Amino acid sequence: MGIRDIKEYINSKRELVNAFLDSYFTPPIKPIKLNDAMVYSLMAGGKRLRPILCIASYEACGGKAEEIVSYASALEFIHTYSLIHDDLPAMDNDDLRRGRLTNHKVYGEGMAILAGDGLLTEAFAILSTTDHCSESGFMPPSSSLLRIINSVAKAAGLHGMVAGQAQDLLSEDLAPEEQTLAFIHSHKTAALIGVSVKMGAMLADAPEEAIIKLTGYGANIGLAFQVVDDVLDLTESTETLGKPSGSDERKKKMTYPSLYGIQESKKRAESLISSALACLEGFDDKAWALRDIAAYMLNRKN
């Protein structure tokens, strides 16, 4: 059955992704300072949740992780770009990320913006080519890649993460309101997590019914992730989180605890995880990692 401990599974897939990320900028691109700024944030640690979910979804549809590591890793480029820009003084103005100084604190605002821009556009360079497929022998059809690029662009851009971030900024200092909160979280966080799962199924050329079910799983688990994140911001220390705790409250962000309280937020996260698991009904044991990741997500501390 393969690895059955979810922590071991996550660690092994994280190592695969990290190996690809580490090799991508070897040799470094020029100018070196831009290269260093991108690598600084890209290799600063992190869960690698989005590529791992993509891989787990691909495996649930019968594929092997090694075949799609490059494509899955492109999602981490996009996620890292969003963190670099999110931390900027014009946005959340944060000094710490993953226990280290944020990118603009080390490289300056201009280089941080360019590092984010570089990572975002390079992600689509990876998604739009098969040049990195020679080692695995996996070759996705061009039609699948075009569909994936379209889905990822929507999830990362005006119909997803960018829209959510914009609404997040616009909602600071406003009284928490259910509809606006749902928009922020479903777009800013859940959209990219959701498309990560969907992408794995599309790379596997899964039947449309399976893609729809896995898309539903991704949407639910993505929203649950952000609800848990909101709670952790209030309940865990800066050392545990790797970023300033209580920052959402200080910045008067619209969060689930600010509207529903901590206990009700936890219940909503549990309900979302239950809905995610229900979407996996009909999938066989190859989807075990997706099931266990859902449960694991509720108990995380950072």
Foldseek 3Di string as FASTA:
>chain_A
DPDQDLVVLQVVLVVLLLVVVVCPCVPHDPPPLLSCLLCCQLVLDDSLLLLSLLLLLLLLLPDHSNQCSLLSSLLSLLVSLVVLVCCDPVHLVFQWDLQHGRSCVPRNDVSSNVSSVVSNVVSLVSLQDCPVRVVVVQDADNVLSVVLSVLQCCLSDDNAQVVLSVLQRVCFPPQADVVSQCRNQLGNWLSSQLSSSLSSCSSNVHPPLSSVLSSLLSSLLRSLLQLLVLLLLAVDCCVQRRTHRPSCVVRRTRHPCSPPNNVVSLVSSVVSLVSSVVSCPPGDPSSSSSNVVSVVSSPDND
